[in-house]
Amino acid sequence: MLIVIGGATGSGKSEVCCKLAKRIDGEIISADSMCVYRGMDIGTAKPLDCMKEVKHHLVDVVDVGDIFDAKLFEEMALEAIRQLEEKGKTPIVCGGTYLYLQALLFGMGETPKPDWRLRERLYSIAQEKGSQYLYQRLKVVDPVYAKKISPRDTKRIVRALEVFINSGKPFSFFHRWETPRLPFKGFYLKGSWEWLSKRIEERAKRMVQLGLLEEIRRLLEMGFENFLTSSQAIGYKEFIPCVKGERELAFCLEEMIKNTKEYAKRQIRWFRRQGWEEIEVDRLGIDGAVEKILSYFSATQNH
């Protein structure tokens, strides 16, 4: 059975999955939309130490100038699961990008191929008039999907409008949410908002200390600011003005923390609706959370 471990950013997913994988001879399939990019290590909090000990899939699979979406993730993750099952390994899906989790567990219809010219035009409109302007258009043509994303989530707003304009069908039409196509057990790592907020703040400051600005500077030299997908990642887009000397570090750091917390709230709302097994990682700790997950499988095998 597929194990899926999700939760908000900063909730300890990588630590739990790493220890769990070593206990059950598993390998990890990352469900993080930005860990797929090579060279984006610090700002995505890639579990670099764990990656030396446990095989990770869907990490560092494309260059920062490439486009990666939920459909491509779905295809690559299904292939990784097939390969692991053939080897007798336990696949552990780990991540908080809920659209990717939905795509893997429920499947997605065949959406229209990317229209780069249209996408660039929509991004230009968002830059000129703000993402809220496009979000209001999305609410009219696809209110179902609009409810699932933030008015500030430019990347997803643009993609949804692009699909609608080219197909005449709302983006939500291509999503299937009813019956999972894979047998899986989902675990949701949770904690108090105070606990999670503190972890988000501490992690953001630690990223800066580890050299996030230098990482962004290297990416900008590669043309990062012009890339349509990777440059929209939280933790990167906020610091680009700082690296270019247009904003103070303290301001950009606060913007990153604010945006990360807003994203965490959206993640929490999604995971709460799934009815997965809840693991209070703030109370149990990382080791306690792993033991809780293991105890579930021990109990099911005994029945």
C-alpha atoms as a PDB file:
ATOM      1  CA  MET A   1       0.000   0.000   0.000  1.00  0.00           C
ATOM      2  CA  LEU A   2       1.164   3.497  -0.866  1.00  0.00           C
ATOM      3  CA  ILE A   3       2.033   5.686   2.132  1.00  0.00           C
ATOM      4  CA  VAL A   4       1.311   9.402   1.724  1.00  0.00           C
ATOM      5  CA  ILE A   5       2.555  11.870   4.325  1.00  0.00           C
ATOM      6  CA  GLY A   6       1.473  15.474   3.971  1.00  0.00           C
ATOM      7  CA  GLY A   7       1.153  18.636   5.965  1.00  0.00           C
ATOM      8  CA  ALA A   8       1.864  22.318   5.872  1.00  0.00           C
ATOM      9  CA  THR A   9       5.264  23.700   5.010  1.00  0.00           C
ATOM     10  CA  GLY A  10       7.562  23.489   8.018  1.00  0.00           C
ATOM     11  CA  SER A  11       5.579  20.735   9.745  1.00  0.00           C
ATOM     12  CA  GLY A  12       8.417  18.215   9.710  1.00  0.00           C
ATOM     13  CA  LYS A  13       7.399  16.067   6.728  1.00  0.00           C
ATOM     14  CA  SER A  14      10.917  15.501   5.404  1.00  0.00           C
ATOM     15  CA  GLU A  15      12.299  14.479   8.806  1.00  0.00           C
ATOM     16  CA  VAL A  16       9.449  12.069   9.460  1.00  0.00           C
ATOM     17  CA  CYS A  17       9.605  10.523   5.985  1.00  0.00           C
ATOM     18  CA  CYS A  18      13.373  10.098   6.135  1.00  0.00           C
ATOM     19  CA  LYS A  19      13.280   8.212   9.436  1.00  0.00           C
ATOM     20  CA  LEU A  20      10.266   6.185   8.354  1.00  0.00           C
ATOM     21  CA  ALA A  21      11.910   5.174   5.069  1.00  0.00           C
ATOM     22  CA  LYS A  22      14.959   3.847   6.899  1.00  0.00           C
ATOM     23  CA  ARG A  23      12.756   1.834   9.251  1.00  0.00           C
ATOM     24  CA  ILE A  24      10.666   0.139   6.542  1.00  0.00           C
ATOM     25  CA  ASP A  25      13.154  -0.047   3.647  1.00  0.00           C
ATOM     26  CA  GLY A  26      11.274   2.564   1.686  1.00  0.00           C
ATOM     27  CA  GLU A  27      12.095   5.239  -0.851  1.00  0.00           C
ATOM     28  CA  ILE A  28      10.657   8.733  -0.992  1.00  0.00           C
ATOM     29  CA  ILE A  29       8.671  10.312  -3.818  1.00  0.00           C
ATOM     30  CA  SER A  30       8.697  14.068  -3.317  1.00  0.00           C
ATOM     31  CA  ALA A  31       5.419  15.895  -3.905  1.00  0.00           C
ATOM     32  CA  ASP A  32       6.939  19.364  -3.759  1.00  0.00           C
ATOM     33  CA  SER A  33       6.448  21.515  -6.848  1.00  0.00           C
ATOM     34  CA  MET A  34       9.766  23.342  -6.456  1.00  0.00           C
ATOM     35  CA  CYS A  35      12.088  20.557  -5.280  1.00  0.00           C
ATOM     36  CA  VAL A  36      11.969  19.264  -8.856  1.00  0.00           C
ATOM     37  CA  TYR A  37      14.337  22.078  -9.907  1.00  0.00           C
ATOM     38  CA  ARG A  38      18.094  21.652  -9.895  1.00  0.00           C
ATOM     39  CA  GLY A  39      19.966  24.461  -8.164  1.00  0.00           C
ATOM     40  CA  MET A  40      17.048  25.498  -5.960  1.00  0.00           C
ATOM     41  CA  ASP A  41      18.227  23.851  -2.755  1.00  0.00           C
ATOM     42  CA  ILE A  42      18.183  26.263   0.165  1.00  0.00           C
ATOM     43  CA  GLY A  43      14.919  28.071  -0.566  1.00  0.00           C
ATOM     44  CA  THR A  44      13.054  24.799  -1.124  1.00  0.00           C
ATOM     45  CA  ALA A  45      14.499  23.236   2.053  1.00  0.00           C
ATOM     46  CA  LYS A  46      15.606  20.135   0.172  1.00  0.00           C
ATOM     47  CA  PRO A  47      16.476  17.365   2.644  1.00  0.00           C
ATOM     48  CA  LEU A  48      20.054  17.138   1.374  1.00  0.00           C
ATOM     49  CA  ASP A  49      21.359  15.074   4.296  1.00  0.00           C
ATOM     50  CA  CYS A  50      18.491  12.594   4.018  1.00  0.00           C
ATOM     51  CA  MET A  51      18.994  12.342   0.261  1.00  0.00           C
ATOM     52  CA  LYS A  52      22.459  10.874   0.947  1.00  0.00           C
ATOM     53  CA  GLU A  53      20.886   8.044   2.967  1.00  0.00           C
ATOM     54  CA  VAL A  54      17.484   7.468   1.337  1.00  0.00           C
ATOM     55  CA  LYS A  55      16.702   7.385  -2.375  1.00  0.00           C
ATOM     56  CA  HIS A  56      14.471  10.310  -3.420  1.00  0.00           C
ATOM     57  CA  HIS A  57      12.407  10.507  -6.595  1.00  0.00           C
ATOM     58  CA  LEU A  58      11.068  13.658  -8.306  1.00  0.00           C
ATOM     59  CA  VAL A  59      13.855  15.814  -6.837  1.00  0.00           C
ATOM     60  CA  ASP A  60      16.326  17.613  -9.135  1.00  0.00           C
ATOM     61  CA  VAL A  61      14.679  16.281 -12.298  1.00  0.00           C
ATOM     62  CA  VAL A  62      14.468  19.479 -14.387  1.00  0.00           C
ATOM     63  CA  ASP A  63      16.460  22.678 -14.903  1.00  0.00           C
ATOM     64  CA  VAL A  64      15.199  25.975 -13.492  1.00  0.00           C
ATOM     65  CA  GLY A  65      14.251  27.220 -16.954  1.00  0.00           C
ATOM     66  CA  ASP A  66      11.965  24.257 -17.594  1.00  0.00           C
ATOM     67  CA  ILE A  67       8.224  24.101 -17.013  1.00  0.00           C
ATOM     68  CA  PHE A  68       6.963  21.421 -14.640  1.00  0.00           C
ATOM     69  CA  ASP A  69       3.292  20.887 -13.833  1.00  0.00           C
ATOM     70  CA  ALA A  70       0.885  18.551 -12.056  1.00  0.00           C
ATOM     71  CA  LYS A  71       0.288  16.403 -15.137  1.00  0.00           C
ATOM     72  CA  LEU A  72       3.986  15.745 -15.599  1.00  0.00           C
ATOM     73  CA  PHE A  73       4.319  15.028 -11.897  1.00  0.00           C
ATOM     74  CA  GLU A  74       1.450  12.542 -12.123  1.00  0.00           C
ATOM     75  CA  GLU A  75       3.123  10.635 -14.945  1.00  0.00           C
ATOM     76  CA  MET A  76       6.577  10.557 -13.334  1.00  0.00           C
ATOM     77  CA  ALA A  77       5.290   9.664  -9.875  1.00  0.00           C
ATOM     78  CA  LEU A  78       3.219   6.745 -11.213  1.00  0.00           C
ATOM     79  CA  GLU A  79       6.294   5.421 -12.996  1.00  0.00           C
ATOM     80  CA  ALA A  80       8.383   5.765  -9.816  1.00  0.00           C
ATOM     81  CA  ILE A  81       5.750   3.855  -7.827  1.00  0.00           C
ATOM     82  CA  ARG A  82       5.729   1.084 -10.444  1.00  0.00           C
ATOM     83  CA  GLN A  83       9.514   0.756 -10.315  1.00  0.00           C
ATOM     84  CA  LEU A  84       9.591   0.670  -6.518  1.00  0.00           C
ATOM     85  CA  GLU A  85       6.910  -1.997  -6.350  1.00  0.00           C
ATOM     86  CA  GLU A  86       8.889  -4.112  -8.819  1.00  0.00           C
ATOM     87  CA  LYS A  87      11.946  -3.811  -6.542  1.00  0.00           C
ATOM     88  CA  GLY A  88       9.906  -4.698  -3.469  1.00  0.00           C
ATOM     89  CA  LYS A  89      10.467  -1.250  -1.949  1.00  0.00           C
ATOM     90  CA  THR A  90       7.804   0.712  -0.079  1.00  0.00           C
ATOM     91  CA  PRO A  91       6.972   4.026  -1.815  1.00  0.00           C
ATOM     92  CA  ILE A  92       6.465   6.956   0.550  1.00  0.00           C
ATOM     93  CA  VAL A  93       4.954  10.054  -1.047  1.00  0.00           C
ATOM     94  CA  CYS A  94       6.065  13.100   0.934  1.00  0.00           C
ATOM     95  CA  GLY A  95       4.999  16.674   0.316  1.00  0.00           C
ATOM     96  CA  GLY A  96       2.605  19.530   0.700  1.00  0.00           C
ATOM     97  CA  THR A  97       1.800  20.511  -2.904  1.00  0.00           C
ATOM     98  CA  TYR A  98      -1.799  19.401  -2.699  1.00  0.00           C
ATOM     99  CA  LEU A  99      -2.509  19.785  -6.412  1.00  0.00           C
ATOM    100  CA  TYR A 100       0.261  17.256  -7.062  1.00  0.00           C
ATOM    101  CA  LEU A 101      -1.185  14.899  -4.459  1.00  0.00           C
ATOM    102  CA  GLN A 102      -4.627  15.224  -6.035  1.00  0.00           C
ATOM    103  CA  ALA A 103      -3.180  14.539  -9.472  1.00  0.00           C
ATOM    104  CA  LEU A 104      -1.400  11.405  -8.275  1.00  0.00           C
ATOM    105  CA  LEU A 105      -4.179   9.954  -6.139  1.00  0.00           C
ATOM    106  CA  PHE A 106      -7.200  10.879  -8.259  1.00  0.00           C
ATOM    107  CA  GLY A 107      -5.788  11.578 -11.703  1.00  0.00           C
ATOM    108  CA  MET A 108      -6.097  14.540 -14.019  1.00  0.00           C
ATOM    109  CA  GLY A 109      -7.647  14.850 -17.427  1.00  0.00           C
ATOM    110  CA  GLU A 110      -5.511  15.694 -20.429  1.00  0.00           C
ATOM    111  CA  THR A 111      -5.247  19.475 -20.239  1.00  0.00           C
ATOM    112  CA  PRO A 112      -4.304  21.561 -23.290  1.00  0.00           C
ATOM    113  CA  LYS A 113      -0.577  21.843 -23.981  1.00  0.00           C
ATOM    114  CA  PRO A 114       1.159  24.982 -22.686  1.00  0.00           C
ATOM    115  CA  ASP A 115       0.628  28.109 -24.755  1.00  0.00           C
ATOM    116  CA  TRP A 116       3.762  30.102 -23.995  1.00  0.00           C
ATOM    117  CA  ARG A 117       2.741  33.287 -25.789  1.00  0.00           C
ATOM    118  CA  LEU A 118      -0.600  33.415 -24.015  1.00  0.00           C
ATOM    119  CA  ARG A 119       1.020  32.585 -20.700  1.00  0.00           C
ATOM    120  CA  GLU A 120       3.557  35.382 -21.072  1.00  0.00           C
ATOM    121  CA  ARG A 121       0.749  37.801 -21.966  1.00  0.00           C
ATOM    122  CA  LEU A 122      -1.209  36.799 -18.854  1.00  0.00           C
ATOM    123  CA  TYR A 123       1.880  37.204 -16.688  1.00  0.00           C
ATOM    124  CA  SER A 124       2.383  40.688 -18.167  1.00  0.00           C
ATOM    125  CA  ILE A 125      -1.194  41.587 -17.241  1.00  0.00           C
ATOM    126  CA  ALA A 126      -0.640  40.275 -13.717  1.00  0.00           C
ATOM    127  CA  GLN A 127       2.522  42.349 -13.408  1.00  0.00           C
ATOM    128  CA  GLU A 128       0.784  45.468 -14.692  1.00  0.00           C
ATOM    129  CA  LYS A 129      -2.594  45.163 -12.933  1.00  0.00           C
ATOM    130  CA  GLY A 130      -1.912  42.671 -10.153  1.00  0.00           C
ATOM    131  CA  SER A 131      -2.869  39.025  -9.692  1.00  0.00           C
ATOM    132  CA  GLN A 132      -6.152  40.107  -8.084  1.00  0.00           C
ATOM    133  CA  TYR A 133      -7.276  41.477 -11.458  1.00  0.00           C
ATOM    134  CA  LEU A 134      -6.828  38.096 -13.138  1.00  0.00           C
ATOM    135  CA  TYR A 135      -8.276  36.303 -10.114  1.00  0.00           C
ATOM    136  CA  GLN A 136     -11.550  38.186 -10.545  1.00  0.00           C
ATOM    137  CA  ARG A 137     -11.672  36.930 -14.143  1.00  0.00           C
ATOM    138  CA  LEU A 138     -11.008  33.395 -12.945  1.00  0.00           C
ATOM    139  CA  LYS A 139     -13.856  33.589 -10.420  1.00  0.00           C
ATOM    140  CA  VAL A 140     -16.229  34.264 -13.307  1.00  0.00           C
ATOM    141  CA  VAL A 141     -15.104  31.440 -15.612  1.00  0.00           C
ATOM    142  CA  ASP A 142     -14.103  28.836 -12.996  1.00  0.00           C
ATOM    143  CA  PRO A 143     -15.477  29.588  -9.511  1.00  0.00           C
ATOM    144  CA  VAL A 144     -14.800  26.004  -8.378  1.00  0.00           C
ATOM    145  CA  TYR A 145     -11.044  26.219  -8.948  1.00  0.00           C
ATOM    146  CA  ALA A 146     -10.901  29.847  -7.806  1.00  0.00           C
ATOM    147  CA  LYS A 147     -12.054  28.736  -4.358  1.00  0.00           C
ATOM    148  CA  LYS A 148      -9.135  26.315  -4.127  1.00  0.00           C
ATOM    149  CA  ILE A 149      -6.348  28.845  -4.681  1.00  0.00           C
ATOM    150  CA  SER A 150      -5.218  32.174  -3.325  1.00  0.00           C
ATOM    151  CA  PRO A 151      -5.909  35.465  -5.149  1.00  0.00           C
ATOM    152  CA  ARG A 152      -2.135  35.972  -4.916  1.00  0.00           C
ATOM    153  CA  ASP A 153      -1.204  32.644  -6.526  1.00  0.00           C
ATOM    154  CA  THR A 154      -0.264  34.106  -9.894  1.00  0.00           C
ATOM    155  CA  LYS A 155       1.163  30.870 -11.299  1.00  0.00           C
ATOM    156  CA  ARG A 156      -2.020  28.844 -10.807  1.00  0.00           C
ATOM    157  CA  ILE A 157      -4.321  31.704 -11.809  1.00  0.00           C
ATOM    158  CA  VAL A 158      -2.442  32.142 -15.083  1.00  0.00           C
ATOM    159  CA  ARG A 159      -2.452  28.416 -15.862  1.00  0.00           C
ATOM    160  CA  ALA A 160      -6.189  28.109 -15.148  1.00  0.00           C
ATOM    161  CA  LEU A 161      -7.032  31.060 -17.390  1.00  0.00           C
ATOM    162  CA  GLU A 162      -4.702  29.767 -20.092  1.00  0.00           C
ATOM    163  CA  VAL A 163      -6.505  26.402 -20.090  1.00  0.00           C
ATOM    164  CA  PHE A 164      -9.936  28.030 -20.178  1.00  0.00           C
ATOM    165  CA  ILE A 165      -9.053  30.382 -23.029  1.00  0.00           C
ATOM    166  CA  ASN A 166      -7.595  27.572 -25.140  1.00  0.00           C
ATOM    167  CA  SER A 167     -10.133  24.849 -24.381  1.00  0.00           C
ATOM    168  CA  GLY A 168     -13.316  26.700 -23.486  1.00  0.00           C
ATOM    169  CA  LYS A 169     -13.525  24.499 -20.389  1.00  0.00           C
ATOM    170  CA  PRO A 170     -12.751  25.499 -16.790  1.00  0.00           C
ATOM    171  CA  PHE A 171      -9.543  24.112 -15.297  1.00  0.00           C
ATOM    172  CA  SER A 172     -11.591  22.304 -12.643  1.00  0.00           C
ATOM    173  CA  PHE A 173     -13.195  20.246 -15.444  1.00  0.00           C
ATOM    174  CA  PHE A 174      -9.909  18.380 -15.868  1.00  0.00           C
ATOM    175  CA  HIS A 175      -9.649  17.408 -12.178  1.00  0.00           C
ATOM    176  CA  ARG A 176     -11.101  14.227 -10.766  1.00  0.00           C
ATOM    177  CA  TRP A 177     -11.660  14.243  -7.010  1.00  0.00           C
ATOM    178  CA  GLU A 178     -14.078  11.396  -6.295  1.00  0.00           C
ATOM    179  CA  THR A 179     -12.488   7.931  -5.976  1.00  0.00           C
ATOM    180  CA  PRO A 180      -8.751   7.354  -5.486  1.00  0.00           C
ATOM    181  CA  ARG A 181      -7.240   5.143  -8.170  1.00  0.00           C
ATOM    182  CA  LEU A 182      -4.477   3.862  -5.905  1.00  0.00           C
ATOM    183  CA  PRO A 183      -4.768   2.087  -2.548  1.00  0.00           C
ATOM    184  CA  PHE A 184      -3.081   4.407  -0.079  1.00  0.00           C
ATOM    185  CA  LYS A 185      -2.954   5.454   3.544  1.00  0.00           C
ATOM    186  CA  GLY A 186      -2.683   9.175   4.146  1.00  0.00           C
ATOM    187  CA  PHE A 187      -1.154  10.802   7.221  1.00  0.00           C
ATOM    188  CA  TYR A 188      -1.496  14.498   7.998  1.00  0.00           C
ATOM    189  CA  LEU A 189       1.211  16.042  10.191  1.00  0.00           C
ATOM    190  CA  LYS A 190      -0.342  18.807  12.244  1.00  0.00           C
ATOM    191  CA  GLY A 191       0.406  21.099  15.153  1.00  0.00           C
ATOM    192  CA  SER A 192      -0.762  24.283  16.777  1.00  0.00           C
ATOM    193  CA  TRP A 193      -0.602  27.449  14.677  1.00  0.00           C
ATOM    194  CA  GLU A 194       1.753  29.019  17.216  1.00  0.00           C
ATOM    195  CA  TRP A 195       4.143  26.072  16.892  1.00  0.00           C
ATOM    196  CA  LEU A 196       4.033  26.095  13.094  1.00  0.00           C
ATOM    197  CA  SER A 197       4.406  29.884  12.845  1.00  0.00           C
ATOM    198  CA  LYS A 198       7.540  29.787  14.951  1.00  0.00           C
ATOM    199  CA  ARG A 199       9.000  26.995  12.824  1.00  0.00           C
ATOM    200  CA  ILE A 200       8.259  28.931   9.619  1.00  0.00           C
ATOM    201  CA  GLU A 201       9.928  32.059  10.990  1.00  0.00           C
ATOM    202  CA  GLU A 202      12.990  30.172  12.221  1.00  0.00           C
ATOM    203  CA  ARG A 203      13.359  28.264   8.968  1.00  0.00           C
ATOM    204  CA  ALA A 204      13.161  31.439   6.871  1.00  0.00           C
ATOM    205  CA  LYS A 205      15.921  33.078   8.905  1.00  0.00           C
ATOM    206  CA  ARG A 206      18.019  29.910   8.719  1.00  0.00           C
ATOM    207  CA  MET A 207      17.711  29.872   4.923  1.00  0.00           C
ATOM    208  CA  VAL A 208      19.198  33.352   4.759  1.00  0.00           C
ATOM    209  CA  GLN A 209      22.034  32.283   7.053  1.00  0.00           C
ATOM    210  CA  LEU A 210      22.714  29.235   4.870  1.00  0.00           C
ATOM    211  CA  GLY A 211      23.208  31.407   1.793  1.00  0.00           C
ATOM    212  CA  LEU A 212      19.811  31.834   0.146  1.00  0.00           C
ATOM    213  CA  LEU A 213      20.755  35.223  -1.310  1.00  0.00           C
ATOM    214  CA  GLU A 214      23.873  33.765  -2.907  1.00  0.00           C
ATOM    215  CA  GLU A 215      21.767  30.939  -4.347  1.00  0.00           C
ATOM    216  CA  ILE A 216      19.333  33.450  -5.850  1.00  0.00           C
ATOM    217  CA  ARG A 217      22.208  35.520  -7.233  1.00  0.00           C
ATOM    218  CA  ARG A 218      23.518  32.457  -9.087  1.00  0.00           C
ATOM    219  CA  LEU A 219      20.040  31.749 -10.429  1.00  0.00           C
ATOM    220  CA  LEU A 220      19.606  35.334 -11.633  1.00  0.00           C
ATOM    221  CA  GLU A 221      22.831  34.993 -13.585  1.00  0.00           C
ATOM    222  CA  MET A 222      21.154  32.043 -15.367  1.00  0.00           C
ATOM    223  CA  GLY A 223      18.134  34.198 -16.317  1.00  0.00           C
ATOM    224  CA  PHE A 224      16.007  33.097 -13.351  1.00  0.00           C
ATOM    225  CA  GLU A 225      13.826  36.224 -13.297  1.00  0.00           C
ATOM    226  CA  ASN A 226      12.498  35.442 -16.777  1.00  0.00           C
ATOM    227  CA  PHE A 227      11.528  31.840 -16.032  1.00  0.00           C
ATOM    228  CA  LEU A 228       7.769  31.438 -15.796  1.00  0.00           C
ATOM    229  CA  THR A 229       7.492  28.708 -13.154  1.00  0.00           C
ATOM    230  CA  SER A 230      10.524  28.383 -10.904  1.00  0.00           C
ATOM    231  CA  SER A 231      10.851  32.135 -10.284  1.00  0.00           C
ATOM    232  CA  GLN A 232       7.381  32.197  -8.694  1.00  0.00           C
ATOM    233  CA  ALA A 233       8.463  29.985  -5.783  1.00  0.00           C
ATOM    234  CA  ILE A 234       7.923  31.381  -2.295  1.00  0.00           C
ATOM    235  CA  GLY A 235      11.329  32.046  -0.789  1.00  0.00           C
ATOM    236  CA  TYR A 236      12.767  33.176  -4.096  1.00  0.00           C
ATOM    237  CA  LYS A 237      10.438  35.758  -5.605  1.00  0.00           C
ATOM    238  CA  GLU A 238      10.456  37.800  -2.368  1.00  0.00           C
ATOM    239  CA  PHE A 239      14.258  38.065  -2.266  1.00  0.00           C
ATOM    240  CA  ILE A 240      14.930  38.926  -5.901  1.00  0.00           C
ATOM    241  CA  PRO A 241      14.467  42.684  -5.189  1.00  0.00           C
ATOM    242  CA  CYS A 242      16.907  42.371  -2.270  1.00  0.00           C
ATOM    243  CA  VAL A 243      19.581  40.692  -4.381  1.00  0.00           C
ATOM    244  CA  LYS A 244      19.109  43.409  -7.027  1.00  0.00           C
ATOM    245  CA  GLY A 245      19.519  46.115  -4.375  1.00  0.00           C
ATOM    246  CA  GLU A 246      15.940  47.354  -4.678  1.00  0.00           C
ATOM    247  CA  ARG A 247      14.663  46.302  -1.215  1.00  0.00           C
ATOM    248  CA  GLU A 248      16.070  45.873   2.263  1.00  0.00           C
ATOM    249  CA  LEU A 249      16.709  42.345   3.513  1.00  0.00           C
ATOM    250  CA  ALA A 250      14.402  42.759   6.521  1.00  0.00           C
ATOM    251  CA  PHE A 251      11.461  43.746   4.295  1.00  0.00           C
ATOM    252  CA  CYS A 252      11.978  40.789   1.930  1.00  0.00           C
ATOM    253  CA  LEU A 253      12.315  38.381   4.844  1.00  0.00           C
ATOM    254  CA  GLU A 254       9.016  39.556   6.310  1.00  0.00           C
ATOM    255  CA  GLU A 255       7.359  39.197   2.898  1.00  0.00           C
ATOM    256  CA  MET A 256       8.634  35.640   2.626  1.00  0.00           C
ATOM    257  CA  ILE A 257       7.404  34.740   6.103  1.00  0.00           C
ATOM    258  CA  LYS A 258       4.002  36.302   5.420  1.00  0.00           C
ATOM    259  CA  ASN A 259       3.578  34.493   2.101  1.00  0.00           C
ATOM    260  CA  THR A 260       4.751  31.203   3.590  1.00  0.00           C
ATOM    261  CA  LYS A 261       2.206  31.454   6.399  1.00  0.00           C
ATOM    262  CA  GLU A 262      -0.590  32.247   3.935  1.00  0.00           C
ATOM    263  CA  TYR A 263       0.372  29.189   1.904  1.00  0.00           C
ATOM    264  CA  ALA A 264       0.525  27.066   5.066  1.00  0.00           C
ATOM    265  CA  LYS A 265      -3.039  28.071   5.909  1.00  0.00           C
ATOM    266  CA  ARG A 266      -4.225  26.933   2.482  1.00  0.00           C
ATOM    267  CA  GLN A 267      -2.398  23.644   2.937  1.00  0.00           C
ATOM    268  CA  ILE A 268      -3.957  23.114   6.359  1.00  0.00           C
ATOM    269  CA  ARG A 269      -7.445  23.699   4.978  1.00  0.00           C
ATOM    270  CA  TRP A 270      -6.862  21.137   2.222  1.00  0.00           C
ATOM    271  CA  PHE A 271      -5.405  18.442   4.466  1.00  0.00           C
ATOM    272  CA  ARG A 272      -8.137  18.877   7.060  1.00  0.00           C
ATOM    273  CA  ARG A 273     -10.737  18.056   4.402  1.00  0.00           C
ATOM    274  CA  GLN A 274      -9.068  14.798   3.378  1.00  0.00           C
ATOM    275  CA  GLY A 275      -9.911  12.801   6.495  1.00  0.00           C
ATOM    276  CA  TRP A 276      -6.395  11.369   6.726  1.00  0.00           C
ATOM    277  CA  GLU A 277      -4.904  10.009   9.939  1.00  0.00           C
ATOM    278  CA  GLU A 278      -3.820  13.050  11.958  1.00  0.00           C
ATOM    279  CA  ILE A 279      -0.411  13.009  13.639  1.00  0.00           C
ATOM    280  CA  GLU A 280       0.199  15.708  16.263  1.00  0.00           C
ATOM    281  CA  VAL A 281       3.866  16.181  15.538  1.00  0.00           C
ATOM    282  CA  ASP A 282       4.177  19.210  17.818  1.00  0.00           C
ATOM    283  CA  ARG A 283       3.218  17.015  20.765  1.00  0.00           C
ATOM    284  CA  LEU A 284       4.853  13.747  19.699  1.00  0.00           C
ATOM    285  CA  GLY A 285       8.030  15.077  18.112  1.00  0.00           C
ATOM    286  CA  ILE A 286       9.601  13.624  14.956  1.00  0.00           C
ATOM    287  CA  ASP A 287      10.468  10.244  16.488  1.00  0.00           C
ATOM    288  CA  GLY A 288       7.063   9.985  18.137  1.00  0.00           C
ATOM    289  CA  ALA A 289       5.335  10.740  14.841  1.00  0.00           C
ATOM    290  CA  VAL A 290       7.295   7.957  13.128  1.00  0.00           C
ATOM    291  CA  GLU A 291       6.342   5.495  15.881  1.00  0.00           C
ATOM    292  CA  LYS A 292       2.690   6.538  15.559  1.00  0.00           C
ATOM    293  CA  ILE A 293       2.724   5.800  11.829  1.00  0.00           C
ATOM    294  CA  LEU A 294       4.465   2.459  12.377  1.00  0.00           C
ATOM    295  CA  SER A 295       1.982   1.512  15.088  1.00  0.00           C
ATOM    296  CA  TYR A 296      -0.879   2.031  12.653  1.00  0.00           C
ATOM    297  CA  PHE A 297       0.543  -0.510  10.232  1.00  0.00           C
ATOM    298  CA  SER A 298       1.332  -2.943  13.027  1.00  0.00           C
ATOM    299  CA  ALA A 299      -2.278  -2.717  14.179  1.00  0.00           C
ATOM    300  CA  THR A 300      -3.671  -3.305  10.680  1.00  0.00           C
ATOM    301  CA  GLN A 301      -1.412  -6.334  10.112  1.00  0.00           C
ATOM    302  CA  ASN A 302      -2.618  -7.883  13.377  1.00  0.00           C
ATOM    303  CA  HIS A 303      -6.234  -7.768  12.256  1.00  0.00           C
END
